């Protein structure tokens, strides 16, 4: 399920849109108060314990706005950090530092929160072969950063969007008349379009698991909102014929038990919608 979304053009497009949203016609506070030739330095101060993420993106943001800014890393993405440590320092135009400060912090605080939560859940299932997946439950126009943070935290990215994998969820199957009809229609569509996309099918019980196996051509069977005991039966039915993904109702209380059923993946939407941001500040070096 590897997805190549961290391209230079995609990241620059995100940064440009974010800077335009924040700066608009001009950062008037900075333009009014700060001389154009003032050179200063600032340090990124970590104000909580967790996994730092977004340092590479921060450098990208600084350089996208002002290529003359000099960034020095004191930590690396994925490092475990504690309150009071410094993630990086940036030196150059004071105006450039001030105008990019909030975008850097907005990204890094959220990315670090996601990476911290991802690492926490990943550590809980590290004794198994099961991998932790993210979902499409992301913030509009911020998905690139959120999925990047999941990778930094030790998780695995699922599909990036609706275009790079077929996932036939319960509503697709119900609207199509059943799993068999949905899969066969999808296979015909992909052949007609000349597309080679993986197909995942959501199942809600063992009868639907059997149907997904019988129709054939399915790459992943999702076991949705099943009890671990039923998941274990489903894994035994599937016997490696395709990959398995547990989804729905996953918490810190049951993730270990779910992983021990033998599923290949566990998807957790909470990675990108229920995390706590890591407190980070950018302060002037006096």
Protein backbone atom coordinates (compact mmCIF):
# COMPACT_ATOMS: atom_id res chain seq x y z
CA UNK A 1 0.00 0.00 0.00
CA UNK A 2 2.90 2.33 -0.68
CA UNK A 3 1.79 5.66 -2.09
CA UNK A 4 4.14 8.20 -3.66
CA UNK A 5 2.54 11.47 -2.62
CA UNK A 6 5.57 13.27 -1.12
CA UNK A 7 6.65 14.86 -4.37
CA UNK A 8 8.31 18.25 -4.70
CA UNK A 9 5.44 19.64 -6.73
CA UNK A 10 2.77 18.41 -4.28
CA UNK A 11 4.57 19.83 -1.25
CA UNK A 12 5.27 23.15 -2.95
CA UNK A 13 1.63 23.40 -4.00
CA UNK A 14 0.54 22.84 -0.39
CA UNK A 15 3.02 25.42 0.95
CA UNK A 16 2.08 28.04 -1.64
CA UNK A 17 -1.63 27.69 -0.88
CA UNK A 18 -1.03 27.82 2.88
CA UNK A 19 1.18 30.91 2.65
CA UNK A 20 -1.35 32.65 0.43
CA UNK A 21 -4.12 31.84 2.91
CA UNK A 22 -2.12 33.30 5.81
CA UNK A 23 -0.24 36.22 4.27
CA UNK A 24 -2.65 37.31 1.56
CA UNK A 25 -1.67 40.78 0.28
CA UNK A 26 1.03 41.13 2.93
CA UNK A 27 2.10 40.53 6.54
CA UNK A 28 1.39 44.10 7.58
CA UNK A 29 2.43 43.62 11.23
CA UNK A 30 5.90 42.55 10.15
CA UNK A 31 6.19 45.01 7.26
CA UNK A 32 5.27 47.87 9.58
CA UNK A 33 7.43 47.05 12.59
CA UNK A 34 10.50 45.24 11.26
CA UNK A 35 13.26 46.80 9.07
CA UNK A 36 13.75 45.04 5.75
CA UNK A 37 17.48 44.49 6.34
CA UNK A 38 17.26 43.12 9.91
CA UNK A 39 18.94 39.72 10.33
CA UNK A 40 17.86 37.62 13.31
CA UNK A 41 17.76 34.04 14.62
CA UNK A 42 14.96 31.97 16.17
CA UNK A 43 14.82 28.57 17.82
CA UNK A 44 12.06 25.99 17.70
CA UNK A 45 11.31 25.06 21.31
CA UNK A 46 9.52 21.81 22.12
CA UNK A 47 7.11 22.30 25.03
CA UNK A 48 5.94 18.73 25.57
CA UNK A 49 7.06 15.10 25.37
CA UNK A 50 6.42 13.10 22.22
CA UNK A 51 7.63 12.28 18.71
CA UNK A 52 8.77 15.25 16.66
CA UNK A 53 7.53 15.47 13.07
CA UNK A 54 7.59 18.13 10.39
CA UNK A 55 11.17 19.35 10.72
CA UNK A 56 11.90 18.56 7.08
CA UNK A 57 8.68 20.30 6.07
CA UNK A 58 9.63 23.33 8.20
CA UNK A 59 12.87 23.69 6.29
CA UNK A 60 10.95 23.35 3.03
CA UNK A 61 8.55 26.13 4.13
CA UNK A 62 11.36 28.47 5.18
CA UNK A 63 13.24 27.95 1.92
CA UNK A 64 10.12 28.17 -0.24
CA UNK A 65 9.47 31.64 1.20
CA UNK A 66 13.09 32.76 1.45
CA UNK A 67 15.88 30.56 0.08
CA UNK A 68 18.44 32.58 2.05
CA UNK A 69 17.17 31.46 5.44
CA UNK A 70 19.65 29.10 7.10
CA UNK A 71 18.11 26.16 8.97
CA UNK A 72 20.11 24.07 11.44
CA UNK A 73 18.56 20.85 12.74
CA UNK A 74 19.06 19.75 16.33
CA UNK A 75 16.59 16.87 16.06
CA UNK A 76 15.37 14.62 13.25
CA UNK A 77 11.85 13.68 12.26
CA UNK A 78 10.79 10.63 14.29
CA UNK A 79 12.97 11.43 17.30
CA UNK A 80 11.51 11.04 20.76
CA UNK A 81 11.70 14.50 22.37
CA UNK A 82 11.08 16.00 25.79
CA UNK A 83 9.95 19.40 26.97
CA UNK A 84 12.59 22.09 26.66
CA UNK A 85 14.58 20.61 23.78
CA UNK A 86 15.25 22.59 20.61
CA UNK A 87 14.22 21.09 17.29
CA UNK A 88 15.93 23.54 14.96
CA UNK A 89 17.23 27.07 14.63
CA UNK A 90 16.63 29.38 11.70
CA UNK A 91 18.67 32.47 10.85
CA UNK A 92 18.18 35.19 8.27
CA UNK A 93 15.71 37.92 7.43
CA UNK A 94 13.63 38.70 10.51
CA UNK A 95 10.71 39.52 8.23
CA UNK A 96 10.88 36.09 6.58
CA UNK A 97 11.09 34.29 9.91
CA UNK A 98 8.05 36.13 11.28
CA UNK A 99 5.96 35.64 8.14
CA UNK A 100 6.53 31.87 8.04
CA UNK A 101 6.44 31.23 11.79
CA UNK A 102 2.75 30.33 12.12
CA UNK A 103 2.63 27.99 9.12
CA UNK A 104 5.67 26.10 10.40
CA UNK A 105 4.15 25.77 13.88
CA UNK A 106 0.68 24.84 12.65
CA UNK A 107 2.14 22.02 10.59
CA UNK A 108 4.65 20.78 13.14
CA UNK A 109 2.31 20.83 16.13
CA UNK A 110 -0.27 18.73 14.31
CA UNK A 111 2.22 16.43 12.61
CA UNK A 112 4.02 15.80 15.89
CA UNK A 113 0.73 14.98 17.61
CA UNK A 114 -0.12 12.46 14.90
CA UNK A 115 3.37 10.93 14.95
CA UNK A 116 3.25 10.63 18.74
CA UNK A 117 -0.11 8.85 18.74
CA UNK A 118 0.92 6.63 15.83
CA UNK A 119 4.11 5.59 17.64
CA UNK A 120 2.11 4.83 20.77
CA UNK A 121 -0.31 2.49 18.99
CA UNK A 122 2.43 0.94 16.85
CA UNK A 123 4.40 0.07 19.96
CA UNK A 124 1.36 -1.74 21.36
CA UNK A 125 1.32 -4.20 18.44
CA UNK A 126 5.04 -4.45 17.69
CA UNK A 127 5.12 -8.06 19.01
CA UNK A 128 2.96 -9.09 16.03
CA UNK A 129 3.32 -8.90 12.24
CA UNK A 130 0.32 -6.56 11.99
CA UNK A 131 0.88 -3.09 10.54
CA UNK A 132 -0.95 0.08 11.59
CA UNK A 133 -2.77 1.92 8.78
CA UNK A 134 -4.16 5.43 8.51
CA UNK A 135 -7.40 6.29 6.68
CA UNK A 136 -8.95 9.08 4.60
CA UNK A 137 -10.37 10.66 7.76
CA UNK A 138 -8.09 13.64 7.34
CA UNK A 139 -8.38 17.43 7.26
CA UNK A 140 -9.21 18.77 3.79
CA UNK A 141 -6.09 20.11 2.04
CA UNK A 142 -3.86 18.93 4.91
CA UNK A 143 -3.83 15.20 4.09
CA UNK A 144 -0.29 15.27 2.71
CA UNK A 145 1.07 16.40 6.08
CA UNK A 146 -1.12 14.09 8.13
CA UNK A 147 -0.17 10.97 6.19
CA UNK A 148 3.49 12.04 6.21
CA UNK A 149 3.26 12.27 10.01
CA UNK A 150 1.81 8.75 10.22
CA UNK A 151 4.83 7.44 8.32
CA UNK A 152 7.19 9.34 10.61
CA UNK A 153 5.44 7.80 13.62
CA UNK A 154 5.94 4.27 12.30
CA UNK A 155 2.57 3.65 10.66
CA UNK A 156 1.76 2.68 7.08
CA UNK A 157 -0.19 4.82 4.64
CA UNK A 158 -3.37 3.40 3.16
CA UNK A 159 -4.62 4.75 -0.17
CA UNK A 160 -4.10 8.49 -0.49
CA UNK A 161 -7.43 9.23 -2.14
CA UNK A 162 -10.33 7.77 -4.05
CA UNK A 163 -8.27 7.46 -7.22
CA UNK A 164 -5.38 5.14 -6.31
CA UNK A 165 -7.21 2.08 -5.00
CA UNK A 166 -10.73 0.63 -5.14
CA UNK A 167 -12.38 0.17 -1.76
CA UNK A 168 -15.89 -1.25 -1.91
CA UNK A 169 -17.42 -0.22 1.39
CA UNK A 170 -20.77 -1.39 2.79
CA UNK A 171 -22.69 1.37 0.99
CA UNK A 172 -21.06 0.51 -2.34
CA UNK A 173 -21.97 -3.15 -1.88
CA UNK A 174 -25.52 -2.42 -0.72
CA UNK A 175 -26.16 0.00 -3.59
CA UNK A 176 -24.69 -2.44 -6.12
CA UNK A 177 -26.86 -5.31 -4.90
CA UNK A 178 -24.21 -7.20 -2.97
CA UNK A 179 -20.49 -7.94 -2.80
CA UNK A 180 -20.49 -10.20 -5.84
CA UNK A 181 -22.20 -7.64 -8.04
CA UNK A 182 -19.98 -4.82 -6.78
CA UNK A 183 -16.75 -6.74 -7.38
CA UNK A 184 -17.75 -8.00 -10.84
CA UNK A 185 -18.83 -4.52 -11.91
CA UNK A 186 -15.54 -3.11 -10.61
CA UNK A 187 -13.49 -5.70 -12.48
CA UNK A 188 -15.33 -4.91 -15.70
CA UNK A 189 -14.86 -1.18 -15.16
CA UNK A 190 -11.12 -1.48 -14.50
CA UNK A 191 -10.67 -3.63 -17.60
CA UNK A 192 -12.62 -1.17 -19.71
CA UNK A 193 -10.60 1.78 -18.32
CA UNK A 194 -7.27 -0.02 -18.63
CA UNK A 195 -6.51 0.52 -14.96
CA UNK A 196 -4.60 -1.82 -12.66
CA UNK A 197 -5.88 -0.92 -9.19
CA UNK A 198 -6.01 -3.05 -6.08
CA UNK A 199 -9.49 -3.99 -4.88
CA UNK A 200 -10.50 -4.04 -1.23
CA UNK A 201 -13.91 -5.22 -0.05
CA UNK A 202 -15.52 -4.45 3.29
CA UNK A 203 -17.25 -7.35 5.06
CA UNK A 204 -19.43 -7.29 8.16
CA UNK A 205 -19.76 -11.00 8.96
CA UNK A 206 -18.37 -14.41 8.02
CA UNK A 207 -21.00 -14.90 5.29
CA UNK A 208 -19.74 -11.79 3.52
CA UNK A 209 -16.13 -12.94 3.98
CA UNK A 210 -17.04 -16.19 2.23
CA UNK A 211 -18.73 -14.25 -0.58
CA UNK A 212 -15.71 -11.98 -1.06
CA UNK A 213 -13.47 -15.06 -1.29
CA UNK A 214 -15.80 -16.83 -3.70
CA UNK A 215 -16.09 -13.99 -6.22
CA UNK A 216 -12.28 -13.87 -6.62
CA UNK A 217 -9.95 -11.10 -7.68
CA UNK A 218 -10.06 -9.34 -4.29
CA UNK A 219 -6.73 -8.12 -2.93
CA UNK A 220 -7.80 -7.12 0.58
CA UNK A 221 -10.76 -8.12 2.71
CA UNK A 222 -11.72 -5.61 5.38
CA UNK A 223 -13.14 -7.07 8.58
CA UNK A 224 -15.35 -4.24 9.77
CA UNK A 225 -16.50 -3.87 13.38
CA UNK A 226 -16.07 -7.57 14.11
CA UNK A 227 -15.27 -8.99 17.49
CA UNK A 228 -11.71 -10.34 17.72
CA UNK A 229 -13.11 -13.87 17.95
CA UNK A 230 -14.91 -13.44 14.61
CA UNK A 231 -11.84 -11.80 13.08
CA UNK A 232 -9.78 -14.81 14.04
CA UNK A 233 -12.27 -17.10 12.29
CA UNK A 234 -12.20 -14.88 9.23
CA UNK A 235 -8.38 -14.95 9.08
CA UNK A 236 -8.52 -18.75 9.24
CA UNK A 237 -11.09 -18.81 6.41
CA UNK A 238 -9.01 -16.53 4.22
CA UNK A 239 -5.78 -18.50 4.80
CA UNK A 240 -3.55 -15.96 3.08
CA UNK A 241 -5.54 -15.94 -0.18
CA UNK A 242 -5.58 -12.16 0.18
CA UNK A 243 -4.60 -9.58 2.77
CA UNK A 244 -6.81 -8.70 5.71
CA UNK A 245 -7.58 -5.36 7.35
CA UNK A 246 -9.34 -4.89 10.68
CA UNK A 247 -11.33 -1.68 10.90
CA UNK A 248 -13.90 0.00 13.11
CA UNK A 249 -14.02 0.44 16.85
CA UNK A 250 -10.26 0.09 17.34
CA UNK A 251 -9.01 1.59 20.60
CA UNK A 252 -5.99 1.34 22.85
CA UNK A 253 -7.97 -1.16 24.91
CA UNK A 254 -8.48 -3.70 22.12
CA UNK A 255 -5.79 -3.06 19.50
CA UNK A 256 -3.41 -5.66 20.97
CA UNK A 257 -6.09 -8.35 20.94
CA UNK A 258 -7.07 -7.46 17.38
CA UNK A 259 -3.46 -7.65 16.18
CA UNK A 260 -3.11 -11.07 17.79
CA UNK A 261 -5.89 -12.44 15.55
CA UNK A 262 -3.35 -12.49 12.71
CA UNK A 263 -4.76 -9.68 10.53
CA UNK A 264 -2.27 -8.03 8.20
CA UNK A 265 -3.40 -4.47 8.92
CA UNK A 266 -5.37 -2.47 11.45
CA UNK A 267 -6.75 0.85 10.20
CA UNK A 268 -7.33 3.60 12.75
CA UNK A 269 -9.04 6.81 11.72
CA UNK A 270 -8.25 8.34 15.10
CA UNK A 271 -4.60 8.68 14.06
CA UNK A 272 -5.53 11.74 12.02
CA UNK A 273 -8.70 13.00 13.70
CA UNK A 274 -8.39 12.38 17.45
CA UNK A 275 -4.78 13.13 18.30
CA UNK A 276 -3.49 15.85 20.65
CA UNK A 277 -1.16 18.40 19.08
CA UNK A 278 2.32 18.72 20.54
CA UNK A 279 2.98 22.20 21.93
CA UNK A 280 5.83 23.90 20.04
CA UNK A 281 6.99 27.53 19.88
CA UNK A 282 9.37 29.55 17.72
CA UNK A 283 11.18 32.11 19.84
CA UNK A 284 13.62 34.88 18.97
CA UNK A 285 17.23 34.32 20.01
CA UNK A 286 18.20 37.48 21.90
